[in-house]
Structure formats: structure tokens, C-alpha cells
PDB file of N, CA and C in Angstrom:
ATOM      1  N   UNK A   1    -164.356  34.406 172.828  1.00  0.00           N
ATOM      2  CA  UNK A   1    -165.013  34.990 171.669  1.00  0.00           C
ATOM      3  C   UNK A   1    -164.142  36.143 171.168  1.00  0.00           C
ATOM      4  N   UNK A   2    -163.856  36.149 169.873  1.00  0.00           N
ATOM      5  CA  UNK A   2    -163.035  37.224 169.353  1.00  0.00           C
ATOM      6  C   UNK A   2    -163.862  38.492 169.155  1.00  0.00           C
ATOM      7  N   UNK A   3    -163.168  39.603 168.945  1.00  0.00           N
ATOM      8  CA  UNK A   3    -163.824  40.915 168.866  1.00  0.00           C
ATOM      9  C   UNK A   3    -164.813  40.999 167.708  1.00  0.00           C
ATOM     10  N   UNK A   4    -164.479  40.416 166.567  1.00  0.00           N
ATOM     11  CA  UNK A   4    -165.371  40.476 165.409  1.00  0.00           C
ATOM     12  C   UNK A   4    -166.682  39.754 165.673  1.00  0.00           C
ATOM     13  N   UNK A   5    -166.631  38.556 166.240  1.00  0.00           N
ATOM     14  CA  UNK A   5    -167.874  37.832 166.508  1.00  0.00           C
ATOM     15  C   UNK A   5    -168.678  38.520 167.612  1.00  0.00           C
ATOM     16  N   UNK A   6    -168.007  39.134 168.588  1.00  0.00           N
ATOM     17  CA  UNK A   6    -168.712  39.885 169.633  1.00  0.00           C
ATOM     18  C   UNK A   6    -169.399  41.105 169.028  1.00  0.00           C
ATOM     19  N   UNK A   7    -168.733  41.743 168.083  1.00  0.00           N
ATOM     20  CA  UNK A   7    -169.325  42.899 167.404  1.00  0.00           C
ATOM     21  C   UNK A   7    -170.542  42.472 166.602  1.00  0.00           C
ATOM     22  N   UNK A   8    -170.412  41.395 165.839  1.00  0.00           N
ATOM     23  CA  UNK A   8    -171.543  40.892 165.044  1.00  0.00           C
ATOM     24  C   UNK A   8    -172.721  40.516 165.941  1.00  0.00           C
ATOM     25  N   UNK A   9    -172.414  39.907 167.089  1.00  0.00           N
ATOM     26  CA  UNK A   9    -173.464  39.483 168.005  1.00  0.00           C
ATOM     27  C   UNK A   9    -174.208  40.693 168.590  1.00  0.00           C
ATOM     28  N   UNK A  10    -173.505  41.787 168.841  1.00  0.00           N
ATOM     29  CA  UNK A  10    -174.121  42.964 169.449  1.00  0.00           C
ATOM     30  C   UNK A  10    -174.677  43.972 168.460  1.00  0.00           C
ATOM     31  N   UNK A  11    -174.473  43.735 167.174  1.00  0.00           N
ATOM     32  CA  UNK A  11    -174.857  44.707 166.148  1.00  0.00           C
ATOM     33  C   UNK A  11    -176.350  45.020 166.157  1.00  0.00           C
ATOM     34  N   UNK A  12    -177.193  44.021 166.231  1.00  0.00           N
ATOM     35  CA  UNK A  12    -178.644  44.249 166.193  1.00  0.00           C
ATOM     36  C   UNK A  12    -179.090  45.129 167.350  1.00  0.00           C
ATOM     37  N   UNK A  13    -178.619  44.821 168.551  1.00  0.00           N
ATOM     38  CA  UNK A  13    -179.008  45.625 169.702  1.00  0.00           C
ATOM     39  C   UNK A  13    -178.431  47.029 169.630  1.00  0.00           C
ATOM     40  N   UNK A  14    -177.242  47.166 169.068  1.00  0.00           N
ATOM     41  CA  UNK A  14    -176.648  48.492 168.887  1.00  0.00           C
ATOM     42  C   UNK A  14    -177.506  49.324 167.939  1.00  0.00           C
ATOM     43  N   UNK A  15    -177.999  48.706 166.885  1.00  0.00           N
ATOM     44  CA  UNK A  15    -178.869  49.415 165.942  1.00  0.00           C
ATOM     45  C   UNK A  15    -180.198  49.760 166.598  1.00  0.00           C
ATOM     46  N   UNK A  16    -180.771  48.826 167.351  1.00  0.00           N
ATOM     47  CA  UNK A  16    -182.031  49.078 168.056  1.00  0.00           C
ATOM     48  C   UNK A  16    -181.897  50.288 168.979  1.00  0.00           C
ATOM     49  N   UNK A  17    -180.750  50.439 169.609  1.00  0.00           N
ATOM     50  CA  UNK A  17    -180.564  51.547 170.556  1.00  0.00           C
ATOM     51  C   UNK A  17    -180.694  52.918 169.899  1.00  0.00           C
ATOM     52  N   UNK A  18    -180.577  52.977 168.587  1.00  0.00           N
ATOM     53  CA  UNK A  18    -180.652  54.255 167.878  1.00  0.00           C
ATOM     54  C   UNK A  18    -182.079  54.743 167.626  1.00  0.00           C
ATOM     55  N   UNK A  19    -183.060  53.907 167.870  1.00  0.00           N
ATOM     56  CA  UNK A  19    -184.431  54.284 167.521  1.00  0.00           C
ATOM     57  C   UNK A  19    -185.219  54.691 168.754  1.00  0.00           C
ATOM     58  N   UNK A  20    -185.197  55.966 169.033  1.00  0.00           N
ATOM     59  CA  UNK A  20    -185.892  56.638 170.132  1.00  0.00           C
ATOM     60  C   UNK A  20    -185.403  56.148 171.491  1.00  0.00           C
ATOM     61  N   UNK A  21    -185.837  56.797 172.512  1.00  0.00           N
ATOM     62  CA  UNK A  21    -185.459  56.416 173.873  1.00  0.00           C
ATOM     63  C   UNK A  21    -185.995  55.025 174.196  1.00  0.00           C
ATOM     64  N   UNK A  22    -187.128  54.666 173.604  1.00  0.00           N
ATOM     65  CA  UNK A  22    -187.691  53.328 173.815  1.00  0.00           C
ATOM     66  C   UNK A  22    -186.736  52.272 173.264  1.00  0.00           C
ATOM     67  N   UNK A  23    -186.190  52.508 172.089  1.00  0.00           N
ATOM     68  CA  UNK A  23    -185.218  51.580 171.506  1.00  0.00           C
ATOM     69  C   UNK A  23    -183.979  51.456 172.379  1.00  0.00           C
ATOM     70  N   UNK A  24    -183.546  52.567 172.951  1.00  0.00           N
ATOM     71  CA  UNK A  24    -182.386  52.527 173.841  1.00  0.00           C
ATOM     72  C   UNK A  24    -182.690  51.703 175.085  1.00  0.00           C
ATOM     73  N   UNK A  25    -183.874  51.885 175.646  1.00  0.00           N
ATOM     74  CA  UNK A  25    -184.278  51.104 176.829  1.00  0.00           C
ATOM     75  C   UNK A  25    -184.362  49.618 176.483  1.00  0.00           C
ATOM     76  N   UNK A  26    -184.934  49.305 175.326  1.00  0.00           N
ATOM     77  CA  UNK A  26    -185.023  47.907 174.889  1.00  0.00           C
ATOM     78  C   UNK A  26    -183.619  47.321 174.730  1.00  0.00           C
ATOM     79  N   UNK A  27    -182.713  48.088 174.115  1.00  0.00           N
ATOM     80  CA  UNK A  27    -181.331  47.604 173.939  1.00  0.00           C
ATOM     81  C   UNK A  27    -180.661  47.372 175.292  1.00  0.00           C
ATOM     82  N   UNK A  28    -180.917  48.238 176.258  1.00  0.00           N
ATOM     83  CA  UNK A  28    -180.360  48.049 177.606  1.00  0.00           C
ATOM     84  C   UNK A  28    -180.876  46.739 178.194  1.00  0.00           C
ATOM     85  N   UNK A  29    -182.177  46.500 178.079  1.00  0.00           N
ATOM     86  CA  UNK A  29    -182.769  45.280 178.625  1.00  0.00           C
ATOM     87  C   UNK A  29    -182.229  44.032 177.917  1.00  0.00           C
ATOM     88  N   UNK A  30    -182.101  44.094 176.584  1.00  0.00           N
ATOM     89  CA  UNK A  30    -181.588  42.954 175.829  1.00  0.00           C
ATOM     90  C   UNK A  30    -180.105  42.706 176.109  1.00  0.00           C
ATOM     91  N   UNK A  31    -179.379  43.766 176.426  1.00  0.00           N
ATOM     92  CA  UNK A  31    -177.948  43.649 176.681  1.00  0.00           C
ATOM     93  C   UNK A  31    -177.650  43.311 178.140  1.00  0.00           C
ATOM     94  N   UNK A  32    -178.659  43.305 178.962  1.00  0.00           N
ATOM     95  CA  UNK A  32    -178.471  43.124 180.401  1.00  0.00           C
ATOM     96  C   UNK A  32    -177.842  41.790 180.761  1.00  0.00           C
ATOM     97  N   UNK A  33    -178.202  40.731 180.066  1.00  0.00           N
ATOM     98  CA  UNK A  33    -177.677  39.418 180.444  1.00  0.00           C
ATOM     99  C   UNK A  33    -176.325  39.110 179.802  1.00  0.00           C
ATOM    100  N   UNK A  34    -176.108  39.497 178.535  1.00  0.00           N
ATOM    101  CA  UNK A  34    -174.862  39.141 177.840  1.00  0.00           C
ATOM    102  C   UNK A  34    -173.769  40.185 177.974  1.00  0.00           C
ATOM    103  N   UNK A  35    -174.119  41.408 178.237  1.00  0.00           N
ATOM    104  CA  UNK A  35    -173.136  42.488 178.403  1.00  0.00           C
ATOM    105  C   UNK A  35    -172.173  42.600 177.218  1.00  0.00           C
ATOM    106  N   UNK A  36    -172.721  42.747 176.030  1.00  0.00           N
ATOM    107  CA  UNK A  36    -171.913  42.892 174.830  1.00  0.00           C
ATOM    108  C   UNK A  36    -171.316  44.301 174.797  1.00  0.00           C
ATOM    109  N   UNK A  37    -169.995  44.394 174.668  1.00  0.00           N
ATOM    110  CA  UNK A  37    -169.300  45.683 174.705  1.00  0.00           C
ATOM    111  C   UNK A  37    -169.682  46.593 173.534  1.00  0.00           C
ATOM    112  N   UNK A  38    -169.884  46.021 172.367  1.00  0.00           N
ATOM    113  CA  UNK A  38    -170.271  46.807 171.191  1.00  0.00           C
ATOM    114  C   UNK A  38    -171.634  47.460 171.416  1.00  0.00           C
ATOM    115  N   UNK A  39    -172.578  46.689 171.926  1.00  0.00           N
ATOM    116  CA  UNK A  39    -173.898  47.239 172.230  1.00  0.00           C
ATOM    117  C   UNK A  39    -173.798  48.299 173.314  1.00  0.00           C
ATOM    118  N   UNK A  40    -173.040  48.020 174.362  1.00  0.00           N
ATOM    119  CA  UNK A  40    -172.886  48.978 175.463  1.00  0.00           C
ATOM    120  C   UNK A  40    -172.308  50.296 174.971  1.00  0.00           C
ATOM    121  N   UNK A  41    -171.341  50.235 174.059  1.00  0.00           N
ATOM    122  CA  UNK A  41    -170.750  51.435 173.485  1.00  0.00           C
ATOM    123  C   UNK A  41    -171.829  52.321 172.870  1.00  0.00           C
ATOM    124  N   UNK A  42    -172.693  51.716 172.063  1.00  0.00           N
ATOM    125  CA  UNK A  42    -173.731  52.502 171.391  1.00  0.00           C
ATOM    126  C   UNK A  42    -174.865  52.909 172.324  1.00  0.00           C
ATOM    127  N   UNK A  43    -175.138  52.138 173.332  1.00  0.00           N
ATOM    128  CA  UNK A  43    -176.132  52.550 174.325  1.00  0.00           C
ATOM    129  C   UNK A  43    -175.647  53.822 175.030  1.00  0.00           C
ATOM    130  N   UNK A  44    -174.373  53.855 175.403  1.00  0.00           N
ATOM    131  CA  UNK A  44    -173.826  55.052 176.054  1.00  0.00           C
ATOM    132  C   UNK A  44    -173.897  56.258 175.120  1.00  0.00           C
ATOM    133  N   UNK A  45    -173.582  56.049 173.841  1.00  0.00           N
ATOM    134  CA  UNK A  45    -173.663  57.140 172.871  1.00  0.00           C
ATOM    135  C   UNK A  45    -175.102  57.687 172.782  1.00  0.00           C
ATOM    136  N   UNK A  46    -176.060  56.767 172.720  1.00  0.00           N
ATOM    137  CA  UNK A  46    -177.441  57.185 172.520  1.00  0.00           C
ATOM    138  C   UNK A  46    -178.037  57.826 173.778  1.00  0.00           C
ATOM    139  N   UNK A  47    -177.656  57.370 174.941  1.00  0.00           N
ATOM    140  CA  UNK A  47    -178.118  58.039 176.165  1.00  0.00           C
ATOM    141  C   UNK A  47    -177.656  59.492 176.150  1.00  0.00           C
ATOM    142  N   UNK A  48    -176.414  59.705 175.773  1.00  0.00           N
ATOM    143  CA  UNK A  48    -175.901  61.070 175.668  1.00  0.00           C
ATOM    144  C   UNK A  48    -176.659  61.904 174.656  1.00  0.00           C
ATOM    145  N   UNK A  49    -176.944  61.339 173.489  1.00  0.00           N
ATOM    146  CA  UNK A  49    -177.687  62.091 172.476  1.00  0.00           C
ATOM    147  C   UNK A  49    -179.124  62.370 172.902  1.00  0.00           C
ATOM    148  N   UNK A  50    -179.754  61.407 173.571  1.00  0.00           N
ATOM    149  CA  UNK A  50    -181.113  61.650 174.070  1.00  0.00           C
ATOM    150  C   UNK A  50    -181.119  62.786 175.093  1.00  0.00           C
ATOM    151  N   UNK A  51    -180.126  62.810 175.957  1.00  0.00           N
ATOM    152  CA  UNK A  51    -180.032  63.894 176.938  1.00  0.00           C
ATOM    153  C   UNK A  51    -179.780  65.235 176.265  1.00  0.00           C
ATOM    154  N   UNK A  52    -178.923  65.253 175.253  1.00  0.00           N
ATOM    155  CA  UNK A  52    -178.699  66.491 174.502  1.00  0.00           C
ATOM    156  C   UNK A  52    -179.974  66.976 173.823  1.00  0.00           C
ATOM    157  N   UNK A  53    -180.702  66.053 173.248  1.00  0.00           N
ATOM    158  CA  UNK A  53    -181.950  66.402 172.577  1.00  0.00           C
ATOM    159  C   UNK A  53    -182.967  66.965 173.569  1.00  0.00           C
ATOM    160  N   UNK A  54    -183.084  66.317 174.717  1.00  0.00           N
ATOM    161  CA  UNK A  54    -183.983  66.800 175.763  1.00  0.00           C
ATOM    162  C   UNK A  54    -183.557  68.189 176.228  1.00  0.00           C
ATOM    163  N   UNK A  55    -182.271  68.365 176.455  1.00  0.00           N
ATOM    164  CA  UNK A  55    -181.745  69.650 176.896  1.00  0.00           C
ATOM    165  C   UNK A  55    -182.001  70.732 175.851  1.00  0.00           C
ATOM    166  N   UNK A  56    -181.839  70.399 174.589  1.00  0.00           N
ATOM    167  CA  UNK A  56    -182.112  71.345 173.508  1.00  0.00           C
ATOM    168  C   UNK A  56    -183.577  71.777 173.532  1.00  0.00           C
ATOM    169  N   UNK A  57    -184.490  70.829 173.701  1.00  0.00           N
ATOM    170  CA  UNK A  57    -185.908  71.169 173.776  1.00  0.00           C
ATOM    171  C   UNK A  57    -186.229  72.031 174.972  1.00  0.00           C
ATOM    172  N   UNK A  58    -185.633  71.725 176.105  1.00  0.00           N
ATOM    173  CA  UNK A  58    -185.881  72.490 177.322  1.00  0.00           C
ATOM    174  C   UNK A  58    -185.308  73.897 177.203  1.00  0.00           C
ATOM    175  N   UNK A  59    -184.081  74.006 176.679  1.00  0.00           N
ATOM    176  CA  UNK A  59    -183.467  75.324 176.529  1.00  0.00           C
ATOM    177  C   UNK A  59    -184.215  76.192 175.537  1.00  0.00           C
ATOM    178  N   UNK A  60    -184.779  75.571 174.504  1.00  0.00           N
ATOM    179  CA  UNK A  60    -185.535  76.320 173.518  1.00  0.00           C
ATOM    180  C   UNK A  60    -186.729  77.003 174.178  1.00  0.00           C
ATOM    181  N   UNK A  61    -187.432  76.260 175.004  1.00  0.00           N
ATOM    182  CA  UNK A  61    -188.592  76.843 175.690  1.00  0.00           C
ATOM    183  C   UNK A  61    -188.162  77.946 176.647  1.00  0.00           C
ATOM    184  N   UNK A  62    -187.010  77.787 177.246  1.00  0.00           N
ATOM    185  CA  UNK A  62    -186.574  78.720 178.279  1.00  0.00           C
ATOM    186  C   UNK A  62    -185.790  79.919 177.737  1.00  0.00           C
ATOM    187  N   UNK A  63    -184.827  79.634 176.850  1.00  0.00           N
ATOM    188  CA  UNK A  63    -183.841  80.673 176.560  1.00  0.00           C
ATOM    189  C   UNK A  63    -183.491  80.892 175.091  1.00  0.00           C
ATOM    190  N   UNK A  64    -183.566  79.889 174.270  1.00  0.00           N
ATOM    191  CA  UNK A  64    -183.030  79.990 172.917  1.00  0.00           C
ATOM    192  C   UNK A  64    -184.093  80.352 171.891  1.00  0.00           C
ATOM    193  N   UNK A  65    -183.645  80.992 170.832  1.00  0.00           N
ATOM    194  CA  UNK A  65    -184.555  81.270 169.735  1.00  0.00           C
ATOM    195  C   UNK A  65    -184.711  80.016 168.865  1.00  0.00           C
ATOM    196  N   UNK A  66    -185.704  80.028 168.015  1.00  0.00           N
ATOM    197  CA  UNK A  66    -186.007  78.878 167.179  1.00  0.00           C
ATOM    198  C   UNK A  66    -184.895  78.477 166.241  1.00  0.00           C
ATOM    199  N   UNK A  67    -184.214  79.440 165.648  1.00  0.00           N
ATOM    200  CA  UNK A  67    -183.181  79.085 164.672  1.00  0.00           C
ATOM    201  C   UNK A  67    -181.958  78.484 165.348  1.00  0.00           C
ATOM    202  N   UNK A  68    -181.640  78.932 166.558  1.00  0.00           N
ATOM    203  CA  UNK A  68    -180.519  78.333 167.284  1.00  0.00           C
ATOM    204  C   UNK A  68    -180.862  76.895 167.657  1.00  0.00           C
ATOM    205  N   UNK A  69    -182.082  76.703 168.122  1.00  0.00           N
ATOM    206  CA  UNK A  69    -182.527  75.357 168.468  1.00  0.00           C
ATOM    207  C   UNK A  69    -182.516  74.449 167.245  1.00  0.00           C
ATOM    208  N   UNK A  70    -182.924  74.974 166.105  1.00  0.00           N
ATOM    209  CA  UNK A  70    -182.912  74.185 164.874  1.00  0.00           C
ATOM    210  C   UNK A  70    -181.491  73.788 164.491  1.00  0.00           C
ATOM    211  N   UNK A  71    -180.552  74.704 164.628  1.00  0.00           N
ATOM    212  CA  UNK A  71    -179.152  74.403 164.315  1.00  0.00           C
ATOM    213  C   UNK A  71    -178.622  73.319 165.254  1.00  0.00           C
ATOM    214  N   UNK A  72    -178.956  73.417 166.523  1.00  0.00           N
ATOM    215  CA  UNK A  72    -178.532  72.395 167.480  1.00  0.00           C
ATOM    216  C   UNK A  72    -179.205  71.066 167.149  1.00  0.00           C
ATOM    217  N   UNK A  73    -180.493  71.101 166.800  1.00  0.00           N
ATOM    218  CA  UNK A  73    -181.219  69.889 166.434  1.00  0.00           C
ATOM    219  C   UNK A  73    -180.625  69.199 165.215  1.00  0.00           C
ATOM    220  N   UNK A  74    -180.230  69.980 164.226  1.00  0.00           N
ATOM    221  CA  UNK A  74    -179.595  69.416 163.026  1.00  0.00           C
ATOM    222  C   UNK A  74    -178.250  68.789 163.395  1.00  0.00           C
ATOM    223  N   UNK A  75    -177.501  69.448 164.254  1.00  0.00           N
ATOM    224  CA  UNK A  75    -176.217  68.904 164.706  1.00  0.00           C
ATOM    225  C   UNK A  75    -176.418  67.586 165.442  1.00  0.00           C
ATOM    226  N   UNK A  76    -177.423  67.535 166.319  1.00  0.00           N
ATOM    227  CA  UNK A  76    -177.724  66.302 167.043  1.00  0.00           C
ATOM    228  C   UNK A  76    -178.100  65.196 166.055  1.00  0.00           C
ATOM    229  N   UNK A  77    -178.891  65.526 165.050  1.00  0.00           N
ATOM    230  CA  UNK A  77    -179.258  64.536 164.040  1.00  0.00           C
ATOM    231  C   UNK A  77    -178.025  64.031 163.292  1.00  0.00           C
ATOM    232  N   UNK A  78    -177.119  64.932 162.933  1.00  0.00           N
ATOM    233  CA  UNK A  78    -175.896  64.510 162.236  1.00  0.00           C
ATOM    234  C   UNK A  78    -175.045  63.609 163.125  1.00  0.00           C
ATOM    235  N   UNK A  79    -174.972  63.921 164.409  1.00  0.00           N
ATOM    236  CA  UNK A  79    -174.259  63.054 165.359  1.00  0.00           C
ATOM    237  C   UNK A  79    -174.928  61.675 165.410  1.00  0.00           C
ATOM    238  N   UNK A  80    -176.266  61.662 165.427  1.00  0.00           N
ATOM    239  CA  UNK A  80    -177.010  60.393 165.436  1.00  0.00           C
ATOM    240  C   UNK A  80    -176.674  59.595 164.179  1.00  0.00           C
ATOM    241  N   UNK A  81    -176.670  60.262 163.040  1.00  0.00           N
ATOM    242  CA  UNK A  81    -176.402  59.603 161.760  1.00  0.00           C
ATOM    243  C   UNK A  81    -174.990  59.002 161.736  1.00  0.00           C
ATOM    244  N   UNK A  82    -174.007  59.732 162.228  1.00  0.00           N
ATOM    245  CA  UNK A  82    -172.636  59.215 162.302  1.00  0.00           C
ATOM    246  C   UNK A  82    -172.596  57.957 163.170  1.00  0.00           C
ATOM    247  N   UNK A  83    -173.277  58.021 164.300  1.00  0.00           N
ATOM    248  CA  UNK A  83    -173.323  56.880 165.211  1.00  0.00           C
ATOM    249  C   UNK A  83    -174.030  55.688 164.568  1.00  0.00           C
ATOM    250  N   UNK A  84    -175.156  55.942 163.925  1.00  0.00           N
ATOM    251  CA  UNK A  84    -175.939  54.887 163.288  1.00  0.00           C
ATOM    252  C   UNK A  84    -175.142  54.192 162.187  1.00  0.00           C
ATOM    253  N   UNK A  85    -174.473  54.966 161.365  1.00  0.00           N
ATOM    254  CA  UNK A  85    -173.651  54.396 160.290  1.00  0.00           C
ATOM    255  C   UNK A  85    -172.509  53.568 160.885  1.00  0.00           C
ATOM    256  N   UNK A  86    -171.919  54.048 161.978  1.00  0.00           N
ATOM    257  CA  UNK A  86    -170.876  53.278 162.650  1.00  0.00           C
ATOM    258  C   UNK A  86    -171.391  51.934 163.133  1.00  0.00           C
ATOM    259  N   UNK A  87    -172.591  51.926 163.725  1.00  0.00           N
ATOM    260  CA  UNK A  87    -173.181  50.670 164.213  1.00  0.00           C
ATOM    261  C   UNK A  87    -173.448  49.708 163.060  1.00  0.00           C
ATOM    262  N   UNK A  88    -173.974  50.211 161.976  1.00  0.00           N
ATOM    263  CA  UNK A  88    -174.259  49.371 160.810  1.00  0.00           C
ATOM    264  C   UNK A  88    -172.971  48.767 160.244  1.00  0.00           C
ATOM    265  N   UNK A  89    -171.889  49.538 160.268  1.00  0.00           N
ATOM    266  CA  UNK A  89    -170.613  49.092 159.700  1.00  0.00           C
ATOM    267  C   UNK A  89    -169.714  48.350 160.698  1.00  0.00           C
ATOM    268  N   UNK A  90    -170.269  47.954 161.840  1.00  0.00           N
ATOM    269  CA  UNK A  90    -169.508  47.219 162.866  1.00  0.00           C
ATOM    270  C   UNK A  90    -168.283  47.991 163.354  1.00  0.00           C
ATOM    271  N   UNK A  91    -168.424  49.294 163.467  1.00  0.00           N
ATOM    272  CA  UNK A  91    -167.318  50.150 163.846  1.00  0.00           C
ATOM    273  C   UNK A  91    -167.730  50.999 165.048  1.00  0.00           C
ATOM    274  N   UNK A  92    -166.966  50.951 166.131  1.00  0.00           N
ATOM    275  CA  UNK A  92    -167.261  51.788 167.291  1.00  0.00           C
ATOM    276  C   UNK A  92    -166.864  53.218 166.960  1.00  0.00           C
ATOM    277  N   UNK A  93    -167.795  53.967 166.416  1.00  0.00           N
ATOM    278  CA  UNK A  93    -167.550  55.326 165.940  1.00  0.00           C
ATOM    279  C   UNK A  93    -168.008  56.325 166.996  1.00  0.00           C
ATOM    280  N   UNK A  94    -167.056  57.042 167.588  1.00  0.00           N
ATOM    281  CA  UNK A  94    -167.398  58.060 168.566  1.00  0.00           C
ATOM    282  C   UNK A  94    -168.079  59.244 167.903  1.00  0.00           C
ATOM    283  N   UNK A  95    -169.053  59.796 168.581  1.00  0.00           N
ATOM    284  CA  UNK A  95    -169.681  61.028 168.125  1.00  0.00           C
ATOM    285  C   UNK A  95    -168.637  62.137 168.239  1.00  0.00           C
ATOM    286  N   UNK A  96    -168.485  62.980 167.208  1.00  0.00           N
ATOM    287  CA  UNK A  96    -167.462  64.031 167.259  1.00  0.00           C
ATOM    288  C   UNK A  96    -167.627  64.935 168.490  1.00  0.00           C
ATOM    289  N   UNK A  97    -166.516  65.331 169.043  1.00  0.00           N
ATOM    290  CA  UNK A  97    -166.395  66.295 170.136  1.00  0.00           C
ATOM    291  C   UNK A  97    -166.856  65.777 171.499  1.00  0.00           C
ATOM    292  N   UNK A  98    -167.951  65.010 171.550  1.00  0.00           N
ATOM    293  CA  UNK A  98    -168.528  64.654 172.855  1.00  0.00           C
ATOM    294  C   UNK A  98    -168.667  63.158 173.083  1.00  0.00           C
ATOM    295  N   UNK A  99    -168.402  62.356 172.082  1.00  0.00           N
ATOM    296  CA  UNK A  99    -168.576  60.913 172.217  1.00  0.00           C
ATOM    297  C   UNK A  99    -167.707  60.297 173.296  1.00  0.00           C
ATOM    298  N   UNK A 100    -166.471  60.781 173.409  1.00  0.00           N
ATOM    299  CA  UNK A 100    -165.595  60.256 174.455  1.00  0.00           C
ATOM    300  C   UNK A 100    -166.098  60.612 175.843  1.00  0.00           C
ATOM    301  N   UNK A 101    -166.726  61.778 175.971  1.00  0.00           N
ATOM    302  CA  UNK A 101    -167.334  62.171 177.255  1.00  0.00           C
ATOM    303  C   UNK A 101    -168.520  61.271 177.585  1.00  0.00           C
ATOM    304  N   UNK A 102    -169.352  60.944 176.593  1.00  0.00           N
ATOM    305  CA  UNK A 102    -170.480  60.037 176.828  1.00  0.00           C
ATOM    306  C   UNK A 102    -169.975  58.683 177.326  1.00  0.00           C
ATOM    307  N   UNK A 103    -168.881  58.202 176.733  1.00  0.00           N
ATOM    308  CA  UNK A 103    -168.318  56.919 177.148  1.00  0.00           C
ATOM    309  C   UNK A 103    -167.821  56.992 178.597  1.00  0.00           C
ATOM    310  N   UNK A 104    -167.249  58.121 178.945  1.00  0.00           N
ATOM    311  CA  UNK A 104    -166.741  58.307 180.307  1.00  0.00           C
ATOM    312  C   UNK A 104    -167.883  58.488 181.311  1.00  0.00           C
ATOM    313  N   UNK A 105    -168.829  59.367 181.007  1.00  0.00           N
ATOM    314  CA  UNK A 105    -169.918  59.678 181.929  1.00  0.00           C
ATOM    315  C   UNK A 105    -170.828  58.492 182.193  1.00  0.00           C
ATOM    316  N   UNK A 106    -171.055  57.664 181.184  1.00  0.00           N
ATOM    317  CA  UNK A 106    -171.999  56.565 181.305  1.00  0.00           C
ATOM    318  C   UNK A 106    -171.303  55.204 181.351  1.00  0.00           C
ATOM    319  N   UNK A 107    -170.059  55.187 181.830  1.00  0.00           N
ATOM    320  CA  UNK A 107    -169.276  53.953 181.851  1.00  0.00           C
ATOM    321  C   UNK A 107    -169.871  52.881 182.767  1.00  0.00           C
ATOM    322  N   UNK A 108    -170.795  53.257 183.628  1.00  0.00           N
ATOM    323  CA  UNK A 108    -171.437  52.247 184.482  1.00  0.00           C
ATOM    324  C   UNK A 108    -172.303  51.299 183.664  1.00  0.00           C
ATOM    325  N   UNK A 109    -172.645  51.716 182.450  1.00  0.00           N
ATOM    326  CA  UNK A 109    -173.431  50.850 181.569  1.00  0.00           C
ATOM    327  C   UNK A 109    -172.468  49.887 180.884  1.00  0.00           C
ATOM    328  N   UNK A 110    -172.544  48.643 181.281  1.00  0.00           N
ATOM    329  CA  UNK A 110    -171.645  47.626 180.736  1.00  0.00           C
ATOM    330  C   UNK A 110    -172.442  46.743 179.868  1.00  0.00           C
TER     331      UNK A 110
END
């Protein structure tokens, strides 16, 4: 199977992974048997963003003021949007600054 057809085949699950943690879990389950690399790429990206979002919420309660948390939340949303547009356009688009780390940290997800 060539890369383009593999990307097209994994596109739906890659898009599903962008819709809440439930969507990411569903994409993991759907990708479990075929192991599509395009889907796996976006699952790793979204796991990282979900963890960042959770961490932002936790830090806000513990240490950060509301406006700092809002700025971080907007940044996380912009990262999500970049990732989502990449998935729609069949392009493995890394999230700026941290996307390569997400790929490295969560490489066990195939």
C-alpha cells in the first residue's frame, strides 16, 4: 500500500482522534487492528494535547492565575487547530515546539 492510500485510509480515524479524549480513545480502538501510521501520528499528537490541557487545568487550580491559564488554553486550542487542519489535509503536521516530543514520548502507540 502506498503512502497516499494509507493516509486516505487513516484520515477518518485521525480526525476522530481530535474530538475530546473519548474520540482519541475511539481512534485508538479503531486503529488497533490495522495500525495505520497516519492515524497513529495524530493519536500521539492528541494524547499530548489532552495531557497539556489537563495539566493546565490542574495548574490553574494550584498555582496559576486565570489570565495565564486562559493564554495557555488559547495556545492549546491553536495547537489543536493546526493539528486538525493537518489531518483534514492529509498532512502529518507536527504541533509547533512540542509535536516532535509527543511523537517521541508516545512512540509505543503504533
